[in-house]
Amino acid sequence: MDIAFDDKLTTFVLEGLDGRGDPQPELVVRLAMAFPDIRALELTLALASAAEGLDAVIAGGSREASVLYRMATLVAVDTLVLEVRGWAKDQPIKARHLLMHWHGDPFFGRDAGSDGTG
């Protein structure tokens, strides 16, 4: 695990928060599109790390952190679904696999692009 790269992913998430409401699925899609060849679970780590960072600086946590934790959970579940279905043929599921899977998905898919890759 490359801690500097993981920090870069977390920073991407934190910088993507606009402060005008709950984090949106578009943020996760942009992260996956920016780094399509990373392991899908690294997206989960970035989202959870960003949420933890928000919880650490905001007394009692924050709504934004709660939504980020929820999105991290959804990414992890989708990753497991793809593993069970054999999408990556015994290789780690990548962010690009999630983008393809999200095409037409009611939560993430509306932003994953027409071909699932952007």
N, C-alpha and C. Protein backbone atom coordinates (compact mmCIF):
# COMPACT_ATOMS: atom_id res chain seq x y z
N MET A 1 0.84 -1.18 0.00
CA MET A 1 0.00 0.00 0.00
C MET A 1 0.89 1.24 0.00
N ASP A 2 0.58 2.16 -0.89
CA ASP A 2 1.32 3.41 -1.01
C ASP A 2 0.57 4.50 -0.25
N ILE A 3 1.08 4.84 0.92
CA ILE A 3 0.39 5.80 1.79
C ILE A 3 0.27 7.17 1.13
N ALA A 4 1.31 7.60 0.41
CA ALA A 4 1.25 8.91 -0.25
C ALA A 4 0.14 8.92 -1.31
N PHE A 5 0.00 7.82 -2.06
CA PHE A 5 -1.06 7.75 -3.07
C PHE A 5 -2.43 7.70 -2.40
N ASP A 6 -2.54 6.94 -1.32
CA ASP A 6 -3.82 6.89 -0.59
C ASP A 6 -4.20 8.27 -0.07
N ASP A 7 -3.21 9.02 0.39
CA ASP A 7 -3.46 10.40 0.83
C ASP A 7 -3.93 11.26 -0.34
N LYS A 8 -3.36 11.03 -1.52
CA LYS A 8 -3.77 11.76 -2.72
C LYS A 8 -5.24 11.49 -3.04
N LEU A 9 -5.65 10.23 -2.92
CA LEU A 9 -7.05 9.87 -3.17
C LEU A 9 -7.97 10.52 -2.15
N THR A 10 -7.57 10.49 -0.88
CA THR A 10 -8.38 11.10 0.17
C THR A 10 -8.49 12.61 -0.05
N THR A 11 -7.39 13.23 -0.43
CA THR A 11 -7.41 14.66 -0.73
C THR A 11 -8.34 14.97 -1.90
N PHE A 12 -8.33 14.10 -2.91
CA PHE A 12 -9.24 14.25 -4.05
C PHE A 12 -10.69 14.29 -3.56
N VAL A 13 -11.02 13.39 -2.65
CA VAL A 13 -12.38 13.34 -2.11
C VAL A 13 -12.69 14.61 -1.32
N LEU A 14 -11.80 14.98 -0.41
CA LEU A 14 -12.04 16.17 0.42
C LEU A 14 -12.15 17.44 -0.42
N GLU A 15 -11.31 17.55 -1.45
CA GLU A 15 -11.37 18.73 -2.31
C GLU A 15 -12.63 18.73 -3.18
N GLY A 16 -13.22 17.56 -3.36
CA GLY A 16 -14.44 17.46 -4.16
C GLY A 16 -15.70 17.84 -3.40
N LEU A 17 -15.58 18.02 -2.10
CA LEU A 17 -16.74 18.46 -1.31
C LEU A 17 -16.94 19.94 -1.54
N ASP A 18 -18.14 20.33 -1.89
CA ASP A 18 -18.38 21.73 -2.21
C ASP A 18 -18.95 22.54 -1.06
N GLY A 19 -19.30 21.86 0.05
CA GLY A 19 -19.81 22.57 1.21
C GLY A 19 -21.24 23.06 1.06
N ARG A 20 -21.89 22.70 -0.05
CA ARG A 20 -23.26 23.17 -0.29
C ARG A 20 -24.29 22.07 -0.05
N GLY A 21 -23.89 21.01 0.61
CA GLY A 21 -24.83 19.93 0.87
C GLY A 21 -24.11 18.61 0.97
N ASP A 22 -24.89 17.56 0.95
CA ASP A 22 -24.31 16.22 1.08
C ASP A 22 -23.41 15.90 -0.11
N PRO A 23 -22.34 15.13 0.13
CA PRO A 23 -21.54 14.64 -0.99
C PRO A 23 -22.43 13.85 -1.95
N GLN A 24 -22.17 13.99 -3.22
CA GLN A 24 -22.99 13.35 -4.24
C GLN A 24 -22.24 12.18 -4.88
N PRO A 25 -22.98 11.25 -5.47
CA PRO A 25 -22.35 10.11 -6.14
C PRO A 25 -21.38 10.54 -7.24
N GLU A 26 -21.61 11.72 -7.82
CA GLU A 26 -20.71 12.21 -8.87
C GLU A 26 -19.27 12.26 -8.38
N LEU A 27 -19.09 12.54 -7.11
CA LEU A 27 -17.75 12.61 -6.53
C LEU A 27 -17.05 11.26 -6.65
N VAL A 28 -17.75 10.19 -6.36
CA VAL A 28 -17.17 8.85 -6.45
C VAL A 28 -16.90 8.49 -7.90
N VAL A 29 -17.82 8.85 -8.78
CA VAL A 29 -17.63 8.57 -10.21
C VAL A 29 -16.42 9.33 -10.74
N ARG A 30 -16.28 10.60 -10.35
CA ARG A 30 -15.10 11.38 -10.78
C ARG A 30 -13.81 10.76 -10.27
N LEU A 31 -13.83 10.27 -9.04
CA LEU A 31 -12.65 9.61 -8.48
C LEU A 31 -12.31 8.36 -9.28
N ALA A 32 -13.31 7.55 -9.59
CA ALA A 32 -13.08 6.33 -10.37
C ALA A 32 -12.60 6.66 -11.78
N MET A 33 -13.15 7.71 -12.37
CA MET A 33 -12.73 8.11 -13.71
C MET A 33 -11.31 8.66 -13.72
N ALA A 34 -10.93 9.36 -12.66
CA ALA A 34 -9.59 9.93 -12.57
C ALA A 34 -8.52 8.86 -12.35
N PHE A 35 -8.91 7.77 -11.68
CA PHE A 35 -7.96 6.70 -11.35
C PHE A 35 -8.57 5.34 -11.71
N PRO A 36 -8.82 5.07 -13.00
CA PRO A 36 -9.56 3.86 -13.39
C PRO A 36 -8.82 2.55 -13.11
N ASP A 37 -7.51 2.59 -12.97
CA ASP A 37 -6.77 1.35 -12.79
C ASP A 37 -6.41 1.02 -11.34
N ILE A 38 -6.94 1.81 -10.40
CA ILE A 38 -6.69 1.46 -9.00
C ILE A 38 -7.67 0.38 -8.57
N ARG A 39 -7.29 -0.34 -7.53
CA ARG A 39 -8.20 -1.35 -6.98
C ARG A 39 -9.46 -0.65 -6.47
N ALA A 40 -10.59 -1.26 -6.71
CA ALA A 40 -11.86 -0.66 -6.30
C ALA A 40 -11.91 -0.38 -4.80
N LEU A 41 -11.31 -1.26 -4.03
CA LEU A 41 -11.34 -1.05 -2.58
C LEU A 41 -10.52 0.16 -2.14
N GLU A 42 -9.63 0.65 -3.01
CA GLU A 42 -8.92 1.89 -2.69
C GLU A 42 -9.89 3.08 -2.71
N LEU A 43 -10.93 2.99 -3.54
CA LEU A 43 -11.97 4.02 -3.50
C LEU A 43 -12.65 4.02 -2.14
N THR A 44 -12.93 2.81 -1.65
CA THR A 44 -13.55 2.67 -0.33
C THR A 44 -12.67 3.28 0.75
N LEU A 45 -11.39 2.98 0.68
CA LEU A 45 -10.44 3.52 1.66
C LEU A 45 -10.41 5.05 1.60
N ALA A 46 -10.38 5.61 0.40
CA ALA A 46 -10.34 7.06 0.26
C ALA A 46 -11.59 7.71 0.84
N LEU A 47 -12.75 7.13 0.55
CA LEU A 47 -14.01 7.68 1.07
C LEU A 47 -14.07 7.59 2.59
N ALA A 48 -13.68 6.43 3.12
CA ALA A 48 -13.72 6.24 4.58
C ALA A 48 -12.69 7.12 5.27
N SER A 49 -11.51 7.28 4.68
CA SER A 49 -10.49 8.14 5.27
C SER A 49 -10.93 9.60 5.28
N ALA A 50 -11.56 10.03 4.19
CA ALA A 50 -12.08 11.40 4.15
C ALA A 50 -13.16 11.59 5.22
N ALA A 51 -14.04 10.60 5.35
CA ALA A 51 -15.09 10.68 6.37
C ALA A 51 -14.49 10.74 7.77
N GLU A 52 -13.48 9.91 8.01
CA GLU A 52 -12.82 9.91 9.32
C GLU A 52 -12.19 11.27 9.60
N GLY A 53 -11.57 11.86 8.57
CA GLY A 53 -10.97 13.18 8.73
C GLY A 53 -12.00 14.24 9.09
N LEU A 54 -13.15 14.18 8.44
CA LEU A 54 -14.23 15.12 8.77
C LEU A 54 -14.72 14.91 10.19
N ASP A 55 -14.89 13.65 10.57
CA ASP A 55 -15.33 13.36 11.94
C ASP A 55 -14.34 13.87 12.97
N ALA A 56 -13.06 13.84 12.63
CA ALA A 56 -12.02 14.26 13.57
C ALA A 56 -12.03 15.77 13.81
N VAL A 57 -12.44 16.54 12.80
CA VAL A 57 -12.38 18.00 12.95
C VAL A 57 -13.73 18.63 13.27
N ILE A 58 -14.79 17.88 13.13
CA ILE A 58 -16.12 18.41 13.43
C ILE A 58 -16.68 17.68 14.63
N ALA A 59 -16.89 18.41 15.71
CA ALA A 59 -17.38 17.79 16.95
C ALA A 59 -18.69 17.06 16.69
N GLY A 60 -18.74 15.82 17.12
CA GLY A 60 -19.95 15.02 16.94
C GLY A 60 -20.14 14.47 15.55
N GLY A 61 -19.12 14.62 14.70
CA GLY A 61 -19.24 14.11 13.34
C GLY A 61 -20.00 15.07 12.46
N SER A 62 -20.26 14.64 11.26
CA SER A 62 -20.95 15.51 10.32
C SER A 62 -21.82 14.69 9.39
N ARG A 63 -22.79 15.34 8.83
CA ARG A 63 -23.66 14.69 7.83
C ARG A 63 -22.82 14.27 6.62
N GLU A 64 -21.87 15.11 6.21
CA GLU A 64 -21.03 14.78 5.07
C GLU A 64 -20.25 13.50 5.32
N ALA A 65 -19.71 13.35 6.53
CA ALA A 65 -18.97 12.13 6.86
C ALA A 65 -19.88 10.91 6.79
N SER A 66 -21.08 11.05 7.30
CA SER A 66 -22.03 9.95 7.26
C SER A 66 -22.33 9.50 5.83
N VAL A 67 -22.50 10.47 4.94
CA VAL A 67 -22.78 10.14 3.54
C VAL A 67 -21.55 9.50 2.89
N LEU A 68 -20.36 9.99 3.21
CA LEU A 68 -19.14 9.38 2.67
C LEU A 68 -19.00 7.94 3.14
N TYR A 69 -19.28 7.69 4.42
CA TYR A 69 -19.24 6.30 4.91
C TYR A 69 -20.25 5.43 4.15
N ARG A 70 -21.42 5.98 3.90
CA ARG A 70 -22.45 5.22 3.16
C ARG A 70 -21.96 4.89 1.75
N MET A 71 -21.37 5.88 1.07
CA MET A 71 -20.88 5.64 -0.28
C MET A 71 -19.73 4.64 -0.27
N ALA A 72 -18.87 4.69 0.75
CA ALA A 72 -17.79 3.71 0.86
C ALA A 72 -18.36 2.31 0.99
N THR A 73 -19.42 2.18 1.77
CA THR A 73 -20.07 0.87 1.93
C THR A 73 -20.65 0.40 0.61
N LEU A 74 -21.30 1.28 -0.13
CA LEU A 74 -21.87 0.90 -1.42
C LEU A 74 -20.79 0.47 -2.42
N VAL A 75 -19.66 1.17 -2.42
CA VAL A 75 -18.54 0.78 -3.30
C VAL A 75 -18.03 -0.60 -2.90
N ALA A 76 -17.90 -0.86 -1.61
CA ALA A 76 -17.42 -2.17 -1.15
C ALA A 76 -18.40 -3.27 -1.54
N VAL A 77 -19.69 -3.01 -1.41
CA VAL A 77 -20.70 -4.01 -1.79
C VAL A 77 -20.65 -4.27 -3.29
N ASP A 78 -20.57 -3.22 -4.09
CA ASP A 78 -20.48 -3.40 -5.54
C ASP A 78 -19.21 -4.17 -5.91
N THR A 79 -18.12 -3.90 -5.22
CA THR A 79 -16.88 -4.62 -5.47
C THR A 79 -17.05 -6.11 -5.19
N LEU A 80 -17.68 -6.43 -4.08
CA LEU A 80 -17.93 -7.83 -3.75
C LEU A 80 -18.83 -8.50 -4.79
N VAL A 81 -19.86 -7.80 -5.23
CA VAL A 81 -20.75 -8.34 -6.26
C VAL A 81 -19.95 -8.68 -7.52
N LEU A 82 -19.08 -7.78 -7.94
CA LEU A 82 -18.29 -8.03 -9.14
C LEU A 82 -17.32 -9.19 -8.94
N GLU A 83 -16.74 -9.31 -7.76
CA GLU A 83 -15.86 -10.45 -7.47
C GLU A 83 -16.62 -11.75 -7.56
N VAL A 84 -17.79 -11.80 -6.95
CA VAL A 84 -18.61 -13.02 -6.96
C VAL A 84 -19.01 -13.39 -8.39
N ARG A 85 -19.28 -12.39 -9.20
CA ARG A 85 -19.67 -12.63 -10.59
C ARG A 85 -18.49 -12.93 -11.51
N GLY A 86 -17.26 -12.83 -10.98
CA GLY A 86 -16.08 -13.16 -11.76
C GLY A 86 -15.69 -12.14 -12.81
N TRP A 87 -16.00 -10.88 -12.58
CA TRP A 87 -15.72 -9.84 -13.56
C TRP A 87 -14.24 -9.69 -13.88
N ALA A 88 -13.39 -9.92 -12.94
CA ALA A 88 -11.96 -9.64 -13.15
C ALA A 88 -11.13 -10.91 -13.29
N LYS A 89 -11.77 -12.05 -13.39
CA LYS A 89 -11.07 -13.31 -13.62
C LYS A 89 -9.88 -13.50 -12.67
N ASP A 90 -10.17 -13.56 -11.39
CA ASP A 90 -9.18 -13.79 -10.34
C ASP A 90 -8.16 -12.67 -10.17
N GLN A 91 -8.46 -11.49 -10.67
CA GLN A 91 -7.65 -10.31 -10.46
C GLN A 91 -8.45 -9.35 -9.58
N PRO A 92 -7.79 -8.40 -8.95
CA PRO A 92 -8.55 -7.43 -8.15
C PRO A 92 -9.51 -6.63 -9.03
N ILE A 93 -10.68 -6.34 -8.49
CA ILE A 93 -11.63 -5.47 -9.17
C ILE A 93 -11.04 -4.06 -9.19
N LYS A 94 -11.09 -3.42 -10.34
CA LYS A 94 -10.54 -2.08 -10.52
C LYS A 94 -11.67 -1.05 -10.59
N ALA A 95 -11.30 0.20 -10.45
CA ALA A 95 -12.29 1.28 -10.55
C ALA A 95 -13.00 1.24 -11.90
N ARG A 96 -12.28 0.89 -12.97
CA ARG A 96 -12.91 0.82 -14.29
C ARG A 96 -14.01 -0.22 -14.34
N HIS A 97 -13.85 -1.32 -13.59
CA HIS A 97 -14.91 -2.33 -13.53
C HIS A 97 -16.16 -1.75 -12.88
N LEU A 98 -15.95 -0.96 -11.84
CA LEU A 98 -17.10 -0.32 -11.19
C LEU A 98 -17.81 0.64 -12.14
N LEU A 99 -17.04 1.40 -12.92
CA LEU A 99 -17.66 2.32 -13.87
C LEU A 99 -18.54 1.57 -14.86
N MET A 100 -18.07 0.43 -15.34
CA MET A 100 -18.89 -0.38 -16.25
C MET A 100 -20.13 -0.91 -15.54
N HIS A 101 -19.94 -1.39 -14.32
CA HIS A 101 -21.04 -1.93 -13.52
C HIS A 101 -22.08 -0.86 -13.20
N TRP A 102 -21.63 0.36 -12.98
CA TRP A 102 -22.53 1.42 -12.59
C TRP A 102 -23.37 1.97 -13.74
N HIS A 103 -23.05 1.61 -14.97
CA HIS A 103 -23.85 2.10 -16.10
C HIS A 103 -25.30 1.67 -15.88
N GLY A 104 -26.18 2.65 -15.75
CA GLY A 104 -27.59 2.36 -15.51
C GLY A 104 -27.95 2.17 -14.04
N ASP A 105 -26.97 2.19 -13.16
CA ASP A 105 -27.23 2.06 -11.72
C ASP A 105 -27.99 3.30 -11.23
N PRO A 106 -29.04 3.12 -10.43
CA PRO A 106 -29.81 4.29 -10.00
C PRO A 106 -29.05 5.26 -9.08
N PHE A 107 -27.98 4.80 -8.43
CA PHE A 107 -27.25 5.69 -7.52
C PHE A 107 -26.01 6.26 -8.20
N PHE A 108 -25.10 5.40 -8.65
CA PHE A 108 -23.86 5.86 -9.27
C PHE A 108 -23.98 6.01 -10.79
N GLY A 109 -24.82 5.23 -11.43
CA GLY A 109 -24.82 5.13 -12.88
C GLY A 109 -25.21 6.36 -13.65
N ARG A 110 -25.98 7.22 -13.05
CA ARG A 110 -26.41 8.41 -13.78
C ARG A 110 -25.25 9.30 -14.17
N ASP A 111 -24.07 9.05 -13.58
CA ASP A 111 -22.91 9.89 -13.83
C ASP A 111 -21.73 9.13 -14.42
N ALA A 112 -21.91 7.85 -14.69
CA ALA A 112 -20.78 7.02 -15.12
C ALA A 112 -20.51 7.10 -16.61
N GLY A 113 -21.26 7.88 -17.35
CA GLY A 113 -21.02 8.02 -18.78
C GLY A 113 -21.77 6.97 -19.58
N SER A 114 -21.94 7.23 -20.84
CA SER A 114 -22.77 6.35 -21.68
C SER A 114 -22.16 4.98 -21.89
N ASP A 115 -20.85 4.88 -21.89
CA ASP A 115 -20.24 3.56 -22.08
C ASP A 115 -19.69 2.99 -20.79
N GLY A 116 -19.94 3.67 -19.67
CA GLY A 116 -19.47 3.19 -18.38
C GLY A 116 -18.04 3.53 -18.09
N THR A 117 -17.36 4.21 -19.03
CA THR A 117 -15.97 4.57 -18.81
C THR A 117 -15.76 6.07 -18.83
N GLY A 118 -16.75 6.82 -18.97
CA GLY A 118 -16.59 8.25 -18.93
C GLY A 118 -17.40 8.88 -19.95
